[in-house]
Amino acid sequence: EASINFTVSTMGKHKVPLMLNSDWNDCLNTVCRKGKGESIMAAEQFVLACLDLVKIEKELGRDYSFYEDAAKKQAKVLNEDMFEEDHYIRAFTDSGIRVGGSKEKCGRIWINSNSWAVFSSVADNKRGNIVMDSVMKYCNTPFGLAIQYPPLERNYPSKEEEISFATPGIGENGGVFCHANTWAIIAYCMLNR
């Protein structure tokens, strides 16, 4: 309960959790140094945690409405404001740049914000298939799924908030990560693919 209350109390300007020091992707720590960066992946994890707590509270015969309402509100924000054409964006920087936005020149499709949308139940089956089709279309390589596509350029999204210093295709700049690929596999399985 304390962690849910903490997350509810640390929502950012766009009504998703503040990134604080980063989320799973350590390189995103540069976009939240001023405390305003927000994580779509953390928002999806928040929804999943709330839904799991609903199940637990139901089993214990206790009131679960707080968790259910929190999950519904967050899922609504994600589906109405964080979904663009064929994918969910990844984050907001301190300065408000939509990392993973359709208009961005790099880092448009990220595995994590799309696979977590599926297994948090934020994306329904139809939208889940759309986003995971995009992941396969853009991130697939002979070695697995690249963490994002296209790789990030120097000084992206800005000189002050540069996400990666790595060469494109290396590490967290379009490299293949076991964690992220495993999450994508789970999402594909949940979609019966």
Foldseek 3Di string as FASTA:
>chain_A
DVVLVVQQVQAAPLRAHFQQQHPPQNLQSLQCPVPHKGFLLNLLVLLLVLVVVLVVCVVVVHDSVVSVVSNVVSLVSQVPPQDDDQAGFTMAGNVGDGQLPPPDPWQVQFLRSLLSCQVSVSDPLVSNVSNLVVQCVAQDDPVAGFRGPPFDDAQVPHVSRGRDPDDQQDDNRRDDDPVSRVSSVVSCVSSVD
